[in-house]
Protein backbone atom coordinates (compact mmCIF):
# COMPACT_ATOMS: atom_id res chain seq x y z
CA UNK A 1 0.21 -0.10 0.33
CA UNK A 2 2.81 2.48 0.76
CA UNK A 3 4.62 1.78 -2.20
CA UNK A 4 1.45 2.35 -4.31
CA UNK A 5 1.05 5.59 -2.26
CA UNK A 6 4.58 6.79 -2.94
CA UNK A 7 4.25 5.87 -6.57
CA UNK A 8 0.99 7.79 -7.09
CA UNK A 9 2.73 10.93 -5.26
CA UNK A 10 5.81 10.92 -7.75
CA UNK A 11 3.44 10.77 -10.46
CA UNK A 12 1.32 13.54 -9.01
CA UNK A 13 4.53 15.50 -8.71
CA UNK A 14 5.82 14.59 -12.30
CA UNK A 15 2.24 15.92 -13.64
CA UNK A 16 2.66 19.12 -11.77
CA UNK A 17 6.03 20.00 -12.98
CA UNK A 18 4.92 19.30 -16.66
CA UNK A 19 2.39 21.36 -15.98
CA UNK A 20 4.44 24.32 -14.63
CA UNK A 21 6.94 23.89 -17.45
CA UNK A 22 4.21 23.89 -20.36
CA UNK A 23 2.70 26.93 -18.87
CA UNK A 24 5.98 28.76 -18.52
CA UNK A 25 6.84 27.87 -22.08
CA UNK A 26 3.47 29.33 -23.02
CA UNK A 27 4.11 32.41 -21.32
CA UNK A 28 7.69 32.46 -22.84
CA UNK A 29 6.41 33.20 -26.42
CA UNK A 30 6.34 36.31 -28.03
CA UNK A 31 3.20 38.39 -27.02
CA UNK A 32 0.52 39.02 -29.42
CA UNK A 33 0.35 42.55 -28.32
CA UNK A 34 2.82 44.31 -30.11
CA UNK A 35 1.50 47.73 -30.14
CA UNK A 36 -1.08 49.66 -28.06
CA UNK A 37 -3.21 52.98 -29.34
CA UNK A 38 -2.47 55.93 -26.83
CA UNK A 39 -4.55 59.19 -26.93
CA UNK A 40 -2.69 62.16 -27.94
CA UNK A 41 -2.61 63.78 -24.35
CA UNK A 42 -0.47 60.89 -23.10
CA UNK A 43 2.70 62.16 -21.31
CA UNK A 44 3.61 58.75 -19.72
CA UNK A 45 3.46 55.40 -20.53
CA UNK A 46 4.19 52.24 -17.92
CA UNK A 47 4.58 49.08 -20.31
CA UNK A 48 4.01 45.74 -18.53
CA UNK A 49 5.45 42.87 -20.35
CA UNK A 50 3.25 40.09 -18.23
CA UNK A 51 4.30 37.23 -19.87
CA UNK A 52 8.20 37.63 -19.24
CA UNK A 53 7.65 38.54 -15.70
CA UNK A 54 5.03 35.73 -14.68
CA UNK A 55 7.35 33.10 -16.46
CA UNK A 56 10.12 33.95 -14.49
CA UNK A 57 8.81 34.36 -11.24
CA UNK A 58 6.65 31.23 -11.81
CA UNK A 59 9.59 29.35 -12.57
CA UNK A 60 11.58 30.68 -9.56
CA UNK A 61 8.82 29.87 -7.16
CA UNK A 62 7.83 26.38 -8.50
CA UNK A 63 11.82 25.30 -8.64
CA UNK A 64 14.08 27.50 -7.07
CA UNK A 65 12.09 28.54 -3.90
CA UNK A 66 13.23 27.26 -0.64
CA UNK A 67 11.50 29.82 1.44
CA UNK A 68 8.44 29.03 3.35
CA UNK A 69 7.51 32.64 4.14
CA UNK A 70 7.42 32.94 0.28
CA UNK A 71 4.82 30.22 0.07
CA UNK A 72 2.62 31.69 3.11
CA UNK A 73 2.66 35.38 1.55
CA UNK A 74 1.48 34.09 -1.87
CA UNK A 75 -1.30 32.00 0.13
CA UNK A 76 -2.26 35.27 2.04
CA UNK A 77 -2.27 37.30 -1.34
CA UNK A 78 -4.42 34.88 -2.77
CA UNK A 79 -6.87 34.36 -0.05
CA UNK A 80 -7.39 38.24 0.22
CA UNK A 81 -7.69 38.75 -3.62
CA UNK A 82 -10.65 35.61 -3.72
CA UNK A 83 -12.20 37.79 -0.91
CA UNK A 84 -12.34 41.13 -2.00
CA UNK A 85 -15.14 42.13 -3.33
CA UNK A 86 -14.00 46.26 -3.57
CA UNK A 87 -11.56 46.22 -6.11
CA UNK A 88 -12.20 46.84 -9.68
CA UNK A 89 -12.15 43.79 -12.21
CA UNK A 90 -11.11 44.98 -15.48
CA UNK A 91 -11.85 43.02 -18.70
CA UNK A 92 -8.46 42.95 -19.45
CA UNK A 93 -6.31 39.76 -20.85
CA UNK A 94 -3.27 40.16 -18.48
CA UNK A 95 -1.34 37.46 -19.94
CA UNK A 96 -0.52 39.82 -22.75
CA UNK A 97 1.00 43.13 -22.82
CA UNK A 98 -0.91 46.00 -21.13
CA UNK A 99 -0.07 49.76 -19.95
CA UNK A 100 -0.80 52.27 -17.63
CA UNK A 101 -1.18 55.61 -19.46
CA UNK A 102 -0.74 59.03 -17.63
CA UNK A 103 -2.56 61.67 -19.76
CA UNK A 104 -2.64 65.50 -19.17
CA UNK A 105 -6.09 67.23 -20.19
CA UNK A 106 -6.78 70.67 -19.15
CA UNK A 107 -4.08 70.94 -16.42
CA UNK A 108 -5.16 67.76 -14.72
CA UNK A 109 -3.53 64.16 -14.33
CA UNK A 110 -5.26 61.29 -15.32
CA UNK A 111 -4.04 57.51 -15.13
CA UNK A 112 -5.79 54.96 -17.51
CA UNK A 113 -5.34 51.19 -17.83
CA UNK A 114 -4.97 49.61 -21.09
CA UNK A 115 -4.92 45.95 -22.45
CA UNK A 116 -6.38 43.68 -24.83
CA UNK A 117 -10.08 43.38 -23.88
CA UNK A 118 -11.15 39.88 -22.86
CA UNK A 119 -14.21 38.45 -25.14
CA UNK A 120 -17.70 38.70 -24.09
CA UNK A 121 -16.74 40.92 -21.19
CA UNK A 122 -19.13 43.34 -19.51
CA UNK A 123 -18.10 47.11 -20.10
CA UNK A 124 -19.04 49.37 -17.40
CA UNK A 125 -16.68 52.37 -16.72
CA UNK A 126 -14.47 52.19 -19.60
CA UNK A 127 -14.57 51.64 -23.51
CA UNK A 128 -12.96 49.21 -26.08
CA UNK A 129 -11.13 50.60 -29.07
CA UNK A 130 -9.59 48.32 -31.70
CA UNK A 131 -9.79 45.41 -29.32
CA UNK A 132 -8.34 46.93 -26.31
CA UNK A 133 -9.99 47.92 -23.03
CA UNK A 134 -9.57 51.67 -21.57
CA UNK A 135 -10.31 52.89 -18.16
CA UNK A 136 -9.46 55.70 -15.99
CA UNK A 137 -8.21 54.60 -12.83
CA UNK A 138 -7.37 57.92 -10.95
CA UNK A 139 -8.91 58.61 -7.67
CA UNK A 140 -11.28 61.54 -7.00
CA UNK A 141 -11.15 62.77 -10.91
CA UNK A 142 -14.23 65.28 -11.49
CA UNK A 143 -16.40 64.51 -14.66
CA UNK A 144 -15.04 61.03 -15.01
CA UNK A 145 -17.65 59.93 -17.59
CA UNK A 146 -16.98 63.17 -19.76
CA UNK A 147 -13.53 62.86 -19.45
CA UNK A 148 -13.75 59.06 -20.76
CA UNK A 149 -16.00 60.27 -23.52
CA UNK A 150 -13.66 63.01 -24.53
CA UNK A 151 -10.40 60.76 -24.47
CA UNK A 152 -12.47 58.10 -26.46
CA UNK A 153 -13.29 60.67 -29.30
CA UNK A 154 -10.24 62.46 -29.42
CA UNK A 155 -6.77 61.87 -31.54
CA UNK A 156 -4.66 58.62 -31.06
CA UNK A 157 -1.09 57.42 -31.77
CA UNK A 158 0.50 53.98 -31.51
CA UNK A 159 3.13 52.82 -29.02
CA UNK A 160 5.20 50.01 -29.69
CA UNK A 161 6.40 47.23 -27.43
CA UNK A 162 9.57 45.62 -27.29
CA UNK A 163 9.59 42.07 -26.20
CA UNK A 164 13.02 42.32 -24.43
CA UNK A 165 11.77 44.72 -21.92
CA UNK A 166 9.86 43.31 -19.10
CA UNK A 167 8.78 46.59 -17.62
CA UNK A 168 9.62 50.22 -18.46
CA UNK A 169 8.09 53.90 -18.00
CA UNK A 170 8.25 56.17 -21.18
CA UNK A 171 8.06 59.95 -20.88
CA UNK A 172 5.98 61.37 -23.67
CA UNK A 173 6.49 64.80 -25.43
CA UNK A 174 4.63 65.40 -28.51
CA UNK A 175 3.82 61.53 -29.09
CA UNK A 176 7.77 60.73 -28.93
CA UNK A 177 9.74 59.23 -26.26
CA UNK A 178 11.43 61.82 -24.16
CA UNK A 179 13.14 59.35 -21.59
CA UNK A 180 12.92 56.06 -20.83
CA UNK A 181 13.26 53.94 -17.71
CA UNK A 182 13.72 50.46 -18.27
CA UNK A 183 13.58 47.87 -15.25
CA UNK A 184 15.18 44.41 -15.47
CA UNK A 185 15.45 41.84 -12.94
CA UNK A 186 17.18 38.49 -13.15
CA UNK A 187 18.11 35.97 -10.90
CA UNK A 188 20.70 38.03 -8.73
CA UNK A 189 20.45 41.74 -9.71
CA UNK A 190 17.85 44.33 -10.06
CA UNK A 191 18.99 46.97 -12.76
CA UNK A 192 17.45 50.49 -13.62
CA UNK A 193 18.59 52.28 -16.56
CA UNK A 194 17.72 55.60 -17.97
CA UNK A 195 19.11 58.73 -19.98
CA UNK A 196 21.06 61.46 -18.02
CA UNK A 197 19.39 64.86 -18.33
CA UNK A 198 19.81 68.17 -16.58
CA UNK A 199 21.19 69.24 -13.43
CA UNK A 200 19.96 69.18 -9.98
CA UNK A 201 21.34 69.57 -6.35
CA UNK A 202 21.64 66.49 -4.22
CA UNK A 203 23.07 66.15 -0.77
CA UNK A 204 26.12 64.40 -0.53
CA UNK A 205 26.22 61.41 2.31
CA UNK A 206 28.67 60.99 4.88
CA UNK A 207 30.59 57.85 3.50
CA UNK A 208 32.53 57.50 6.67
CA UNK A 209 29.03 55.85 8.00
CA UNK A 210 26.56 53.38 7.26
CA UNK A 211 23.95 55.26 4.85
CA UNK A 212 21.17 55.04 2.35
CA UNK A 213 21.04 57.69 -0.16
CA UNK A 214 18.31 58.01 -2.82
CA UNK A 215 17.93 61.50 -5.26
CA UNK A 216 15.24 61.49 -7.72
CA UNK A 217 13.38 64.08 -10.16
CA UNK A 218 9.76 64.07 -10.08
CA UNK A 219 6.87 65.00 -12.31
CA UNK A 220 3.25 65.93 -11.50
CA UNK A 221 0.69 63.22 -11.11
CA UNK A 222 2.58 60.39 -9.49
CA UNK A 223 0.36 57.35 -8.58
CA UNK A 224 0.15 57.17 -4.84
CA UNK A 225 -1.42 54.53 -2.82
CA UNK A 226 -4.61 55.28 -1.19
CA UNK A 227 -3.06 55.47 2.30
CA UNK A 228 -0.68 58.21 1.05
CA UNK A 229 -3.19 60.37 -0.77
CA UNK A 230 -2.47 63.20 1.72
CA UNK A 231 1.04 63.37 0.45
CA UNK A 232 -0.24 64.70 -2.65
CA UNK A 233 -0.30 68.47 -1.09
CA UNK A 234 3.47 68.11 -1.01
CA UNK A 235 4.28 65.76 -4.03
CA UNK A 236 2.42 68.06 -6.63
CA UNK A 237 4.71 71.07 -5.96
CA UNK A 238 8.18 68.88 -5.71
CA UNK A 239 10.35 68.98 -8.95
CA UNK A 240 12.54 66.34 -6.85
CA UNK A 241 14.28 65.45 -3.52
CA UNK A 242 17.58 64.18 -2.18
CA UNK A 243 17.55 61.87 1.07
CA UNK A 244 20.12 60.41 3.12
CA UNK A 245 19.27 58.25 5.99
CA UNK A 246 21.41 57.13 8.89
CA UNK A 247 19.05 54.81 10.68
CA UNK A 248 17.02 55.87 13.89
CA UNK A 249 17.49 55.58 17.61
CA UNK A 250 14.84 54.83 20.18
CA UNK A 251 14.91 57.39 23.03
CA UNK A 252 13.55 56.48 26.39
CA UNK A 253 14.03 59.57 28.76
CA UNK A 254 12.15 59.84 32.04
CA UNK A 255 11.51 63.92 31.02
CA UNK A 256 10.75 64.01 27.60
CA UNK A 257 9.23 60.25 27.19
CA UNK A 258 9.89 57.90 24.46
CA UNK A 259 10.10 58.17 20.81
CA UNK A 260 11.68 57.59 17.49
CA UNK A 261 14.45 59.81 16.06
CA UNK A 262 15.30 58.99 12.56
CA UNK A 263 18.70 60.51 11.82
CA UNK A 264 17.90 62.29 8.19
CA UNK A 265 19.18 64.70 5.79
CA UNK A 266 16.34 65.70 3.24
CA UNK A 267 16.54 68.48 0.17
CA UNK A 268 13.32 69.37 -1.59
CA UNK A 269 13.71 71.07 -4.74
CA UNK A 270 10.24 72.67 -5.45
CA UNK A 271 9.01 73.33 -9.20
CA UNK A 272 8.03 76.86 -8.03
CA UNK A 273 9.25 79.74 -5.36
CA UNK A 274 8.56 78.24 -1.97
CA UNK A 275 8.90 79.86 1.47
CA UNK A 276 9.84 78.01 4.73
CA UNK A 277 6.68 79.00 6.11
CA UNK A 278 4.59 77.62 2.96
CA UNK A 279 6.68 74.18 3.65
CA UNK A 280 5.78 73.99 7.41
CA UNK A 281 2.46 74.46 6.31
CA UNK A 282 2.46 71.50 4.04
CA UNK A 283 4.27 69.18 6.64
CA UNK A 284 1.47 70.01 9.16
CA UNK A 285 -1.19 68.99 6.60
CA UNK A 286 0.51 65.60 5.75
CA UNK A 287 2.38 64.73 9.08
CA UNK A 288 1.18 62.67 11.44
CA UNK A 289 3.66 63.90 14.23
CA UNK A 290 3.39 67.44 15.62
CA UNK A 291 5.22 70.16 13.48
CA UNK A 292 6.94 72.86 15.59
CA UNK A 293 9.53 75.78 14.19
CA UNK A 294 11.80 77.61 16.30
CA UNK A 295 14.42 79.69 14.36
CA UNK A 296 16.34 77.79 12.31
CA UNK A 297 15.16 74.38 13.67
CA UNK A 298 12.12 72.17 13.38
CA UNK A 299 10.87 69.76 15.64
CA UNK A 300 8.99 66.66 14.12
CA UNK A 301 7.42 65.30 16.95
CA UNK A 302 10.01 65.69 19.45
CA UNK A 303 13.03 64.92 17.20
CA UNK A 304 15.12 68.13 16.35
CA UNK A 305 16.13 69.11 12.70
CA UNK A 306 17.96 72.06 10.99
CA UNK A 307 15.82 73.93 8.74
CA UNK A 308 17.51 76.24 5.93
CA UNK A 309 16.35 77.74 2.61
CA UNK A 310 19.22 77.21 0.40
CA UNK A 311 17.42 79.33 -2.36
CA UNK A 312 13.95 80.41 -3.17
CA UNK A 313 13.10 76.94 -4.13
CA UNK A 314 15.22 74.58 -2.29
CA UNK A 315 14.72 73.71 1.16
CA UNK A 316 16.75 71.47 3.51
CA UNK A 317 15.61 69.74 6.65
CA UNK A 318 18.39 67.29 8.47
CA UNK A 319 20.40 66.47 11.19
CA UNK A 320 23.56 67.62 9.89
CA UNK A 321 24.75 70.24 8.07
CA UNK A 322 24.01 70.42 4.26
CA UNK A 323 26.90 69.63 1.92
CA UNK A 324 25.41 69.79 -1.67
CA UNK A 325 26.63 68.87 -5.20
CA UNK A 326 25.02 69.15 -8.55
CA UNK A 327 24.10 65.88 -10.42
CA UNK A 328 22.80 65.30 -13.84
CA UNK A 329 21.11 61.78 -12.75
CA UNK A 330 17.33 61.80 -13.11
CA UNK A 331 17.74 58.98 -10.11
CA UNK A 332 20.18 57.84 -8.32
CA UNK A 333 20.56 55.37 -5.39
CA UNK A 334 23.62 54.19 -3.29
CA UNK A 335 24.43 52.93 0.28
CA UNK A 336 23.28 50.17 2.53
CA UNK A 337 19.24 49.47 2.35
CA UNK A 338 19.42 47.76 5.74
CA UNK A 339 20.05 50.97 7.64
CA UNK A 340 16.30 51.84 6.56
CA UNK A 341 15.16 49.48 9.17
CA UNK A 342 17.87 49.76 11.73
CA UNK A 343 16.55 51.16 15.24
CA UNK A 344 19.34 51.49 17.97
CA UNK A 345 18.48 50.73 21.29
CA UNK A 346 15.23 49.10 20.99
CA UNK A 347 15.86 46.33 23.26
CA UNK A 348 13.16 43.74 23.61
CA UNK A 349 10.79 45.95 21.84
CA UNK A 350 12.34 44.83 18.62
CA UNK A 351 10.78 41.65 18.86
CA UNK A 352 7.46 43.46 18.40
CA UNK A 353 8.38 44.99 15.13
CA UNK A 354 9.28 41.27 13.94
CA UNK A 355 5.65 40.44 14.26
CA UNK A 356 4.47 43.11 11.75
CA UNK A 357 4.69 41.22 7.96
CA UNK A 358 5.86 44.71 6.34
CA UNK A 359 8.70 45.53 8.50
CA UNK A 360 9.98 42.00 8.46
CA UNK A 361 9.57 41.63 4.44
CA UNK A 362 11.55 45.01 4.27
CA UNK A 363 14.16 43.93 6.78
CA UNK A 364 14.43 40.51 5.10
CA UNK A 365 14.85 42.12 1.49
CA UNK A 366 17.10 45.15 2.61
CA UNK A 367 19.34 42.53 4.47
CA UNK A 368 19.68 40.29 1.30
CA UNK A 369 20.87 43.05 -0.68
CA UNK A 370 24.74 42.93 -1.17
CA UNK A 371 25.35 46.13 -2.76
CA UNK A 372 24.10 49.39 -4.66
CA UNK A 373 26.07 50.88 -7.33
CA UNK A 374 25.43 53.64 -10.01
CA UNK A 375 27.52 54.28 -13.27
CA UNK A 376 27.44 55.43 -16.76
CA UNK A 377 27.10 52.75 -19.61
CA UNK A 378 26.86 53.35 -23.40
CA UNK A 379 23.63 52.82 -25.32
CA UNK A 380 24.14 49.74 -27.51
CA UNK A 381 21.21 47.56 -27.99
CA UNK A 382 20.02 48.09 -24.11
CA UNK A 383 21.87 48.52 -21.02
CA UNK A 384 24.75 46.95 -19.64
CA UNK A 385 27.80 47.38 -16.93
CA UNK A 386 31.39 47.68 -18.17
CA UNK A 387 34.12 49.97 -18.95
CA UNK A 388 32.86 53.65 -20.05
CA UNK A 389 34.11 54.42 -23.66
CA UNK A 390 32.92 57.79 -24.34
CA UNK A 391 34.06 58.15 -27.96
CA UNK A 392 31.75 55.19 -28.74
CA UNK A 393 28.65 56.24 -26.65
CA UNK A 394 25.51 57.44 -28.77
CA UNK A 395 23.92 58.83 -25.35
CA UNK A 396 24.84 58.61 -21.87
CA UNK A 397 23.05 56.15 -19.79
CA UNK A 398 22.72 55.93 -16.15
CA UNK A 399 22.57 52.35 -14.64
CA UNK A 400 21.42 51.78 -10.96
CA UNK A 401 22.32 48.05 -10.16
CA UNK A 402 21.10 46.35 -6.78
CA UNK A 403 23.32 43.34 -6.35
CA UNK A 404 21.70 40.70 -4.05
CA UNK A 405 23.49 38.36 -1.81
CA UNK A 406 24.98 34.81 -3.10
CA UNK A 407 22.22 32.44 -2.67
CA UNK A 408 19.69 34.99 -2.86
CA UNK A 409 16.99 35.11 -5.82
CA UNK A 410 16.35 38.66 -6.54
CA UNK A 411 13.21 38.14 -8.11
CA UNK A 412 11.52 35.87 -5.40
CA UNK A 413 12.51 38.56 -2.87
CA UNK A 414 11.64 41.47 -4.78
CA UNK A 415 8.00 39.53 -5.26
CA UNK A 416 7.59 38.59 -1.74
CA UNK A 417 8.17 42.39 -0.57
CA UNK A 418 5.60 43.58 -3.39
CA UNK A 419 2.98 41.02 -2.40
CA UNK A 420 3.49 42.01 1.19
CA UNK A 421 2.72 45.49 0.83
CA UNK A 422 -0.23 44.57 -1.66
CA UNK A 423 -1.54 42.42 1.40
CA UNK A 424 -1.33 45.56 3.77
CA UNK A 425 -2.57 48.20 1.38
CA UNK A 426 -4.23 46.77 -1.52
CA UNK A 427 -6.97 45.15 0.49
CA UNK A 428 -7.56 47.48 3.44
CA UNK A 429 -11.19 48.50 4.09
CA UNK A 430 -12.78 52.04 3.37
């Protein structure tokens, strides 16, 4: 009897493996969708090659996954997704290429989802054009029905998909690509490539200490999760920011009480002239802590930071004196990401944080990263790392590479963090 049970188990495992291999091979076929029509008002396109992403993740999850926490996260997400009745169900074939379109109409930023329409689907809020389904997904958009009709009846152009790119974000100007951010995720490295353009101020980190640094330019209309919609008051005025983080300290004092004291330096680059008083008003709206200003210092709850206007559109808040430089990178990242989850002097209370799934996932992810580096490469059929040869460069390309520790699967680690955050924020109740 036991021999028969084992034989049946082996047969079932063999059938599962064959099924997974067959589905992965199906996903690896070239996608039928090679182009998607876009409205002329399009200023940005997020292109997702779902077959490329799913085939790699499914193969890694089925045959390279040795982490039980990964299986638990997938199970929790599936249960939440199956029970969720509030989320929209789009009549789109997500096994094919699809897009998120960023439109600017009458000075208002609008986001739409676009993809191959599934046959015999009920169309509710969106519309079908040339076999593709379109629907506005922006929150709090006024006159949604009239905007949908206006987009549907306006002028259009086609955007091409490249099968070699799993995920990319294109900035569009006059129906042409102005800049392109290409994301690639292999077994041990996450890479972001884009063209260097313009100059902006950044804060230089203190390299003698462990730090995490990120600088980026922003454009109006960033797609924020619902939980952080209050931040639009701030992000709509920002042209970019530069951020250095050195970890946090848990303060337990008899007089001032207990609180967290994050050590950071933050530089705001605004698109318009902004006074210190305007920034403090914005911070009071979006910050959960008390905001108080005294002379050249700002208090966020009980943590004290320097407050300084560098010029009429650049403001600094931080623990240290600002050490500034100019960069032509639209995005830069360096340092040690494990610093983001470091809290000194926490003691036994640190065990309580480990019970929070989002903190645990972020900590595991940050500690699995071996290094982050940024360099210039040459444009030659995509992005690559290596020696810079300026004489042969067609365009300057910035490359940010996040290398994971040996034995860590970059795709699975990234996938687990994204699913954990989705479990925490996508399915929250209104």
